[in-house]
Full PDB file with SEQRES, HELIX, SHEET, SSBOND, CRYST1, ORIGX, SCALE, CONECT and MASTER records, all heavy atoms in Angstrom:
SEQRES   1 A   32  CYS LYS ALA ALA LEU ALA VAL LYS PRO GLY THR PRO VAL          
SEQRES   2 A   32  ASP THR VAL TYR PRO TYR LEU ASP LYS LEU SER MET VAL          
SEQRES   3 A   32  LEU VAL MET THR VAL GLU                                      
HELIX    1 AA1 VAL A   13  LYS A   22  5                                  10    
SHEET    1 AA1 2 ALA A   4  VAL A   7  0                                        
SHEET    2 AA1 2 MET A  25  VAL A  28  1                                        
CRYST1    1.000    1.000    1.000  90.00  90.00  90.00 P 1           1          
ORIGX1      1.000000  0.000000  0.000000        0.00000                         
ORIGX2      0.000000  1.000000  0.000000        0.00000                         
ORIGX3      0.000000  0.000000  1.000000        0.00000                         
SCALE1      1.000000  0.000000  0.000000        0.00000                         
SCALE2      0.000000  1.000000  0.000000        0.00000                         
SCALE3      0.000000  0.000000  1.000000        0.00000                         
ATOM      1  N   CYS A   1     -96.488 -91.695-111.040  1.00  0.00           N  
ATOM      2  CA  CYS A   1     -96.286 -92.414-112.280  1.00  0.00           C  
ATOM      3  C   CYS A   1     -95.880 -91.447-113.401  1.00  0.00           C  
ATOM      4  O   CYS A   1     -96.085 -90.231-113.302  1.00  0.00           O  
ATOM      5  CB  CYS A   1     -97.563 -93.111-112.720  1.00  0.00           C  
ATOM      6  SG  CYS A   1     -97.867 -94.691-111.942  1.00  0.00           S  
ATOM      7  N   LYS A   2     -95.358 -92.007-114.476  1.00  0.00           N  
ATOM      8  CA  LYS A   2     -95.105 -91.238-115.677  1.00  0.00           C  
ATOM      9  C   LYS A   2     -96.393 -91.212-116.483  1.00  0.00           C  
ATOM     10  O   LYS A   2     -97.143 -92.179-116.513  1.00  0.00           O  
ATOM     11  CB  LYS A   2     -93.953 -91.872-116.484  1.00  0.00           C  
ATOM     12  CG  LYS A   2     -92.620 -91.830-115.799  1.00  0.00           C  
ATOM     13  CD  LYS A   2     -91.552 -92.466-116.668  1.00  0.00           C  
ATOM     14  CE  LYS A   2     -90.193 -92.405-115.989  1.00  0.00           C  
ATOM     15  NZ  LYS A   2     -89.132 -93.069-116.816  1.00  0.00           N  
ATOM     16  N   ALA A   3     -96.594 -90.089-117.175  1.00  0.00           N  
ATOM     17  CA  ALA A   3     -97.824 -89.914-117.984  1.00  0.00           C  
ATOM     18  C   ALA A   3     -97.482 -89.916-119.469  1.00  0.00           C  
ATOM     19  O   ALA A   3     -96.474 -89.400-119.896  1.00  0.00           O  
ATOM     20  CB  ALA A   3     -98.519 -88.619-117.615  1.00  0.00           C  
ATOM     21  N   ALA A   4     -98.385 -90.529-120.241  1.00  0.00           N  
ATOM     22  CA  ALA A   4     -98.245 -90.541-121.707  1.00  0.00           C  
ATOM     23  C   ALA A   4     -99.618 -90.387-122.330  1.00  0.00           C  
ATOM     24  O   ALA A   4    -100.635 -90.761-121.742  1.00  0.00           O  
ATOM     25  CB  ALA A   4     -97.593 -91.848-122.170  1.00  0.00           C  
ATOM     26  N   LEU A   5     -99.618 -89.835-123.558  1.00  0.00           N  
ATOM     27  CA  LEU A   5    -100.853 -89.685-124.297  1.00  0.00           C  
ATOM     28  C   LEU A   5    -100.783 -90.507-125.575  1.00  0.00           C  
ATOM     29  O   LEU A   5     -99.693 -90.638-126.164  1.00  0.00           O  
ATOM     30  CB  LEU A   5    -101.099 -88.242-124.659  1.00  0.00           C  
ATOM     31  CG  LEU A   5    -101.828 -87.351-123.637  1.00  0.00           C  
ATOM     32  CD1 LEU A   5    -101.847 -85.887-124.083  1.00  0.00           C  
ATOM     33  CD2 LEU A   5    -103.257 -87.846-123.383  1.00  0.00           C  
ATOM     34  N   ALA A   6    -101.925 -91.073-125.977  1.00  0.00           N  
ATOM     35  CA  ALA A   6    -101.987 -91.845-127.206  1.00  0.00           C  
ATOM     36  C   ALA A   6    -102.930 -91.162-128.199  1.00  0.00           C  
ATOM     37  O   ALA A   6    -103.910 -90.510-127.779  1.00  0.00           O  
ATOM     38  CB  ALA A   6    -102.519 -93.254-126.890  1.00  0.00           C  
ATOM     39  N   VAL A   7    -102.610 -91.318-129.483  1.00  0.00           N  
ATOM     40  CA  VAL A   7    -103.485 -90.827-130.543  1.00  0.00           C  
ATOM     41  C   VAL A   7    -103.784 -91.951-131.516  1.00  0.00           C  
ATOM     42  O   VAL A   7    -102.918 -92.724-131.897  1.00  0.00           O  
ATOM     43  CB  VAL A   7    -102.840 -89.636-131.306  1.00  0.00           C  
ATOM     44  CG1 VAL A   7    -102.740 -88.422-130.402  1.00  0.00           C  
ATOM     45  CG2 VAL A   7    -101.469 -89.985-131.856  1.00  0.00           C  
ATOM     46  N   LYS A   8    -105.070 -92.049-131.872  1.00  0.00           N  
ATOM     47  CA  LYS A   8    -105.497 -93.016-132.877  1.00  0.00           C  
ATOM     48  C   LYS A   8    -104.960 -92.607-134.281  1.00  0.00           C  
ATOM     49  O   LYS A   8    -104.570 -91.447-134.490  1.00  0.00           O  
ATOM     50  CB  LYS A   8    -107.026 -93.078-132.929  1.00  0.00           C  
ATOM     51  CG  LYS A   8    -107.682 -93.587-131.665  1.00  0.00           C  
ATOM     52  CD  LYS A   8    -109.198 -93.600-131.868  1.00  0.00           C  
ATOM     53  CE  LYS A   8    -109.918 -94.116-130.638  1.00  0.00           C  
ATOM     54  NZ  LYS A   8    -111.391 -94.123-130.842  1.00  0.00           N  
ATOM     55  N   PRO A   9    -105.004 -93.554-135.240  1.00  0.00           N  
ATOM     56  CA  PRO A   9    -104.462 -93.223-136.577  1.00  0.00           C  
ATOM     57  C   PRO A   9    -105.107 -91.979-137.221  1.00  0.00           C  
ATOM     58  O   PRO A   9    -104.429 -91.254-137.933  1.00  0.00           O  
ATOM     59  CB  PRO A   9    -104.763 -94.489-137.387  1.00  0.00           C  
ATOM     60  CG  PRO A   9    -104.715 -95.590-136.359  1.00  0.00           C  
ATOM     61  CD  PRO A   9    -105.336 -94.971-135.113  1.00  0.00           C  
ATOM     62  N   GLY A  10    -106.369 -91.735-136.939  1.00  0.00           N  
ATOM     63  CA  GLY A  10    -107.055 -90.623-137.585  1.00  0.00           C  
ATOM     64  C   GLY A  10    -106.974 -89.308-136.826  1.00  0.00           C  
ATOM     65  O   GLY A  10    -107.485 -88.301-137.288  1.00  0.00           O  
ATOM     66  N   THR A  11    -106.292 -89.297-135.677  1.00  0.00           N  
ATOM     67  CA  THR A  11    -106.228 -88.101-134.848  1.00  0.00           C  
ATOM     68  C   THR A  11    -104.931 -87.342-135.140  1.00  0.00           C  
ATOM     69  O   THR A  11    -103.843 -87.935-135.107  1.00  0.00           O  
ATOM     70  CB  THR A  11    -106.248 -88.478-133.349  1.00  0.00           C  
ATOM     71  OG1 THR A  11    -107.455 -89.185-133.056  1.00  0.00           O  
ATOM     72  CG2 THR A  11    -106.161 -87.242-132.485  1.00  0.00           C  
ATOM     73  N   PRO A  12    -105.028 -86.049-135.427  1.00  0.00           N  
ATOM     74  CA  PRO A  12    -103.819 -85.270-135.668  1.00  0.00           C  
ATOM     75  C   PRO A  12    -102.880 -85.272-134.450  1.00  0.00           C  
ATOM     76  O   PRO A  12    -103.325 -85.162-133.311  1.00  0.00           O  
ATOM     77  CB  PRO A  12    -104.343 -83.850-135.927  1.00  0.00           C  
ATOM     78  CG  PRO A  12    -105.753 -84.047-136.362  1.00  0.00           C  
ATOM     79  CD  PRO A  12    -106.262 -85.237-135.576  1.00  0.00           C  
ATOM     80  N   VAL A  13    -101.605 -85.420-134.684  1.00  0.00           N  
ATOM     81  CA  VAL A  13    -100.651 -85.517-133.603  1.00  0.00           C  
ATOM     82  C   VAL A  13    -100.524 -84.221-132.826  1.00  0.00           C  
ATOM     83  O   VAL A  13    -100.153 -84.207-131.647  1.00  0.00           O  
ATOM     84  CB  VAL A  13     -99.282 -86.006-134.101  1.00  0.00           C  
ATOM     85  CG1 VAL A  13     -98.525 -84.907-134.841  1.00  0.00           C  
ATOM     86  CG2 VAL A  13     -98.431 -86.564-132.969  1.00  0.00           C  
ATOM     87  N   ASP A  14    -100.861 -83.089-133.495  1.00  0.00           N  
ATOM     88  CA  ASP A  14    -100.704 -81.811-132.796  1.00  0.00           C  
ATOM     89  C   ASP A  14    -101.711 -81.630-131.677  1.00  0.00           C  
ATOM     90  O   ASP A  14    -101.594 -80.690-130.876  1.00  0.00           O  
ATOM     91  CB  ASP A  14    -100.747 -80.639-133.769  1.00  0.00           C  
ATOM     92  CG  ASP A  14    -102.007 -80.538-134.553  1.00  0.00           C  
ATOM     93  OD1 ASP A  14    -102.964 -81.274-134.291  1.00  0.00           O  
ATOM     94  OD2 ASP A  14    -102.051 -79.692-135.497  1.00  0.00           O  
ATOM     95  N   THR A  15    -102.674 -82.548-131.546  1.00  0.00           N  
ATOM     96  CA  THR A  15    -103.614 -82.482-130.411  1.00  0.00           C  
ATOM     97  C   THR A  15    -102.915 -82.714-129.072  1.00  0.00           C  
ATOM     98  O   THR A  15    -103.408 -82.292-128.036  1.00  0.00           O  
ATOM     99  CB  THR A  15    -104.743 -83.491-130.564  1.00  0.00           C  
ATOM    100  OG1 THR A  15    -104.186 -84.815-130.716  1.00  0.00           O  
ATOM    101  CG2 THR A  15    -105.620 -83.170-131.776  1.00  0.00           C  
ATOM    102  N   VAL A  16    -101.742 -83.345-129.112  1.00  0.00           N  
ATOM    103  CA  VAL A  16    -101.007 -83.607-127.855  1.00  0.00           C  
ATOM    104  C   VAL A  16    -100.010 -82.480-127.533  1.00  0.00           C  
ATOM    105  O   VAL A  16     -99.470 -82.439-126.424  1.00  0.00           O  
ATOM    106  CB  VAL A  16    -100.271 -84.962-127.875  1.00  0.00           C  
ATOM    107  CG1 VAL A  16    -101.219 -86.098-128.223  1.00  0.00           C  
ATOM    108  CG2 VAL A  16     -99.077 -84.938-128.806  1.00  0.00           C  
ATOM    109  N   TYR A  17     -99.780 -81.595-128.465  1.00  0.00           N  
ATOM    110  CA  TYR A  17     -98.742 -80.581-128.281  1.00  0.00           C  
ATOM    111  C   TYR A  17     -98.923 -79.700-127.030  1.00  0.00           C  
ATOM    112  O   TYR A  17     -97.927 -79.377-126.379  1.00  0.00           O  
ATOM    113  CB  TYR A  17     -98.634 -79.672-129.523  1.00  0.00           C  
ATOM    114  CG  TYR A  17     -98.003 -80.317-130.739  1.00  0.00           C  
ATOM    115  CD1 TYR A  17     -97.572 -81.653-130.699  1.00  0.00           C  
ATOM    116  CD2 TYR A  17     -97.827 -79.618-131.918  1.00  0.00           C  
ATOM    117  CE1 TYR A  17     -97.010 -82.265-131.825  1.00  0.00           C  
ATOM    118  CE2 TYR A  17     -97.264 -80.202-133.044  1.00  0.00           C  
ATOM    119  CZ  TYR A  17     -96.848 -81.522-132.987  1.00  0.00           C  
ATOM    120  OH  TYR A  17     -96.276 -82.101-134.100  1.00  0.00           O  
ATOM    121  N   PRO A  18    -100.152 -79.329-126.687  1.00  0.00           N  
ATOM    122  CA  PRO A  18    -100.311 -78.480-125.485  1.00  0.00           C  
ATOM    123  C   PRO A  18     -99.869 -79.160-124.168  1.00  0.00           C  
ATOM    124  O   PRO A  18     -99.695 -78.486-123.168  1.00  0.00           O  
ATOM    125  CB  PRO A  18    -101.810 -78.184-125.451  1.00  0.00           C  
ATOM    126  CG  PRO A  18    -102.281 -78.381-126.845  1.00  0.00           C  
ATOM    127  CD  PRO A  18    -101.455 -79.516-127.371  1.00  0.00           C  
ATOM    128  N   TYR A  19     -99.685 -80.473-124.197  1.00  0.00           N  
ATOM    129  CA  TYR A  19     -99.403 -81.244-122.972  1.00  0.00           C  
ATOM    130  C   TYR A  19     -97.982 -81.787-122.924  1.00  0.00           C  
ATOM    131  O   TYR A  19     -97.630 -82.470-121.963  1.00  0.00           O  
ATOM    132  CB  TYR A  19    -100.419 -82.385-122.828  1.00  0.00           C  
ATOM    133  CG  TYR A  19    -101.825 -81.965-123.091  1.00  0.00           C  
ATOM    134  CD1 TYR A  19    -102.445 -82.232-124.298  1.00  0.00           C  
ATOM    135  CD2 TYR A  19    -102.540 -81.244-122.104  1.00  0.00           C  
ATOM    136  CE1 TYR A  19    -103.745 -81.807-124.542  1.00  0.00           C  
ATOM    137  CE2 TYR A  19    -103.861 -80.839-122.352  1.00  0.00           C  
ATOM    138  CZ  TYR A  19    -104.432 -81.102-123.566  1.00  0.00           C  
ATOM    139  OH  TYR A  19    -105.729 -80.696-123.788  1.00  0.00           O  
ATOM    140  N   LEU A  20     -97.193 -81.538-123.917  1.00  0.00           N  
ATOM    141  CA  LEU A  20     -95.888 -82.191-124.050  1.00  0.00           C  
ATOM    142  C   LEU A  20     -94.964 -81.943-122.851  1.00  0.00           C  
ATOM    143  O   LEU A  20     -94.173 -82.812-122.502  1.00  0.00           O  
ATOM    144  CB  LEU A  20     -95.211 -81.724-125.325  1.00  0.00           C  
ATOM    145  CG  LEU A  20     -95.788 -82.264-126.640  1.00  0.00           C  
ATOM    146  CD1 LEU A  20     -95.137 -81.615-127.829  1.00  0.00           C  
ATOM    147  CD2 LEU A  20     -95.666 -83.786-126.715  1.00  0.00           C  
ATOM    148  N   ASP A  21     -95.073 -80.792-122.222  1.00  0.00           N  
ATOM    149  CA  ASP A  21     -94.180 -80.484-121.119  1.00  0.00           C  
ATOM    150  C   ASP A  21     -94.427 -81.372-119.907  1.00  0.00           C  
ATOM    151  O   ASP A  21     -93.596 -81.463-119.011  1.00  0.00           O  
ATOM    152  CB  ASP A  21     -94.248 -79.014-120.722  1.00  0.00           C  
ATOM    153  CG  ASP A  21     -95.646 -78.606-120.251  1.00  0.00           C  
ATOM    154  OD1 ASP A  21     -96.641 -79.223-120.681  1.00  0.00           O  
ATOM    155  OD2 ASP A  21     -95.732 -77.656-119.442  1.00  0.00           O  
ATOM    156  N   LYS A  22     -95.576 -82.056-119.867  1.00  0.00           N  
ATOM    157  CA  LYS A  22     -95.916 -82.914-118.733  1.00  0.00           C  
ATOM    158  C   LYS A  22     -95.712 -84.409-119.071  1.00  0.00           C  
ATOM    159  O   LYS A  22     -95.829 -85.254-118.165  1.00  0.00           O  
ATOM    160  CB  LYS A  22     -97.358 -82.749-118.315  1.00  0.00           C  
ATOM    161  CG  LYS A  22     -97.710 -81.334-117.814  1.00  0.00           C  
ATOM    162  CD  LYS A  22     -99.174 -81.315-117.414  1.00  0.00           C  
ATOM    163  CE  LYS A  22     -99.598 -79.983-116.821  1.00  0.00           C  
ATOM    164  NZ  LYS A  22    -101.032 -79.992-116.422  1.00  0.00           N  
ATOM    165  N   LEU A  23     -95.465 -84.718-120.339  1.00  0.00           N  
ATOM    166  CA  LEU A  23     -95.469 -86.102-120.777  1.00  0.00           C  
ATOM    167  C   LEU A  23     -94.067 -86.711-120.847  1.00  0.00           C  
ATOM    168  O   LEU A  23     -93.096 -86.068-121.196  1.00  0.00           O  
ATOM    169  CB  LEU A  23     -96.105 -86.194-122.141  1.00  0.00           C  
ATOM    170  CG  LEU A  23     -97.554 -85.721-122.271  1.00  0.00           C  
ATOM    171  CD1 LEU A  23     -98.006 -85.829-123.727  1.00  0.00           C  
ATOM    172  CD2 LEU A  23     -98.514 -86.486-121.349  1.00  0.00           C  
ATOM    173  N   SER A  24     -93.996 -88.020-120.507  1.00  0.00           N  
ATOM    174  CA  SER A  24     -92.779 -88.777-120.693  1.00  0.00           C  
ATOM    175  C   SER A  24     -92.759 -89.487-122.045  1.00  0.00           C  
ATOM    176  O   SER A  24     -91.681 -89.899-122.516  1.00  0.00           O  
ATOM    177  CB  SER A  24     -92.640 -89.825-119.578  1.00  0.00           C  
ATOM    178  OG  SER A  24     -92.487 -89.197-118.319  1.00  0.00           O  
ATOM    179  N   MET A  25     -93.957 -89.633-122.646  1.00  0.00           N  
ATOM    180  CA  MET A  25     -94.025 -90.399-123.896  1.00  0.00           C  
ATOM    181  C   MET A  25     -95.306 -90.056-124.626  1.00  0.00           C  
ATOM    182  O   MET A  25     -96.310 -89.667-124.008  1.00  0.00           O  
ATOM    183  CB  MET A  25     -94.007 -91.893-123.557  1.00  0.00           C  
ATOM    184  CG  MET A  25     -93.992 -92.858-124.727  1.00  0.00           C  
ATOM    185  SD  MET A  25     -93.708 -94.578-124.207  1.00  0.00           S  
ATOM    186  CE  MET A  25     -95.306 -94.958-123.452  1.00  0.00           C  
ATOM    187  N   VAL A  26     -95.280 -90.174-125.940  1.00  0.00           N  
ATOM    188  CA  VAL A  26     -96.475 -90.105-126.763  1.00  0.00           C  
ATOM    189  C   VAL A  26     -96.555 -91.394-127.547  1.00  0.00           C  
ATOM    190  O   VAL A  26     -95.556 -91.835-128.147  1.00  0.00           O  
ATOM    191  CB  VAL A  26     -96.457 -88.888-127.722  1.00  0.00           C  
ATOM    192  CG1 VAL A  26     -97.612 -88.956-128.693  1.00  0.00           C  
ATOM    193  CG2 VAL A  26     -96.531 -87.580-126.921  1.00  0.00           C  
ATOM    194  N   LEU A  27     -97.740 -92.005-127.561  1.00  0.00           N  
ATOM    195  CA  LEU A  27     -97.996 -93.211-128.309  1.00  0.00           C  
ATOM    196  C   LEU A  27     -98.769 -92.891-129.586  1.00  0.00           C  
ATOM    197  O   LEU A  27     -99.872 -92.374-129.528  1.00  0.00           O  
ATOM    198  CB  LEU A  27     -98.796 -94.225-127.459  1.00  0.00           C  
ATOM    199  CG  LEU A  27     -99.433 -95.417-128.166  1.00  0.00           C  
ATOM    200  CD1 LEU A  27     -98.443 -96.209-128.951  1.00  0.00           C  
ATOM    201  CD2 LEU A  27    -100.168 -96.283-127.149  1.00  0.00           C  
ATOM    202  N   VAL A  28     -98.153 -93.174-130.705  1.00  0.00           N  
ATOM    203  CA  VAL A  28     -98.805 -93.019-132.015  1.00  0.00           C  
ATOM    204  C   VAL A  28     -99.297 -94.400-132.445  1.00  0.00           C  
ATOM    205  O   VAL A  28     -98.480 -95.298-132.724  1.00  0.00           O  
ATOM    206  CB  VAL A  28     -97.865 -92.421-133.066  1.00  0.00           C  
ATOM    207  CG1 VAL A  28     -98.531 -92.370-134.438  1.00  0.00           C  
ATOM    208  CG2 VAL A  28     -97.392 -91.033-132.634  1.00  0.00           C  
ATOM    209  N   MET A  29    -100.596 -94.601-132.460  1.00  0.00           N  
ATOM    210  CA  MET A  29    -101.149 -95.891-132.844  1.00  0.00           C  
ATOM    211  C   MET A  29    -100.951 -96.112-134.331  1.00  0.00           C  
ATOM    212  O   MET A  29    -101.254 -95.259-135.169  1.00  0.00           O  
ATOM    213  CB  MET A  29    -102.634 -95.962-132.506  1.00  0.00           C  
ATOM    214  CG  MET A  29    -102.986 -95.915-131.032  1.00  0.00           C  
ATOM    215  SD  MET A  29    -102.375 -97.365-130.110  1.00  0.00           S  
ATOM    216  CE  MET A  29    -103.259 -98.718-130.894  1.00  0.00           C  
ATOM    217  N   THR A  30    -100.413 -97.295-134.671  1.00  0.00           N  
ATOM    218  CA  THR A  30    -100.185 -97.637-136.054  1.00  0.00           C  
ATOM    219  C   THR A  30    -101.210 -98.701-136.539  1.00  0.00           C  
ATOM    220  O   THR A  30    -101.071 -99.256-137.626  1.00  0.00           O  
ATOM    221  CB  THR A  30     -98.763 -98.165-136.266  1.00  0.00           C  
ATOM    222  OG1 THR A  30     -98.420 -99.093-135.225  1.00  0.00           O  
ATOM    223  CG2 THR A  30     -97.780 -97.003-136.190  1.00  0.00           C  
ATOM    224  N   VAL A  31    -102.241 -98.894-135.729  1.00  0.00           N  
ATOM    225  CA  VAL A  31    -103.461 -99.647-136.088  1.00  0.00           C  
ATOM    226  C   VAL A  31    -104.604 -98.955-135.357  1.00  0.00           C  
ATOM    227  O   VAL A  31    -104.379 -98.179-134.435  1.00  0.00           O  
ATOM    228  CB  VAL A  31    -103.419-101.132-135.729  1.00  0.00           C  
ATOM    229  CG1 VAL A  31    -102.291-101.845-136.443  1.00  0.00           C  
ATOM    230  CG2 VAL A  31    -103.269-101.313-134.202  1.00  0.00           C  
ATOM    231  N   GLU A  32    -105.830 -99.309-135.721  1.00  0.00           N  
ATOM    232  CA  GLU A  32    -106.947 -98.840-134.931  1.00  0.00           C  
ATOM    233  C   GLU A  32    -106.967 -99.627-133.611  1.00  0.00           C  
ATOM    234  O   GLU A  32    -106.855-100.849-133.598  1.00  0.00           O  
ATOM    235  CB  GLU A  32    -108.286 -99.081-135.678  1.00  0.00           C  
ATOM    236  CG  GLU A  32    -108.485 -98.168-136.870  1.00  0.00           C  
ATOM    237  CD  GLU A  32    -108.597 -96.702-136.496  1.00  0.00           C  
ATOM    238  OE1 GLU A  32    -108.944 -96.420-135.316  1.00  0.00           O  
ATOM    239  OE2 GLU A  32    -108.359 -95.849-137.354  1.00  0.00           O  
TER     240      GLU A  32                                                      
MASTER        0    0    0    1    2    0    0    6  239    1    0    3          
END                                                                             
């Protein structure tokens, strides 16, 4: 499967940066 990471509104987006080379997508939540 393809892998993606999600971040809640209060989570800094740079928390996903260490994993970007493995990800097909990042989900930025625009609600809780």
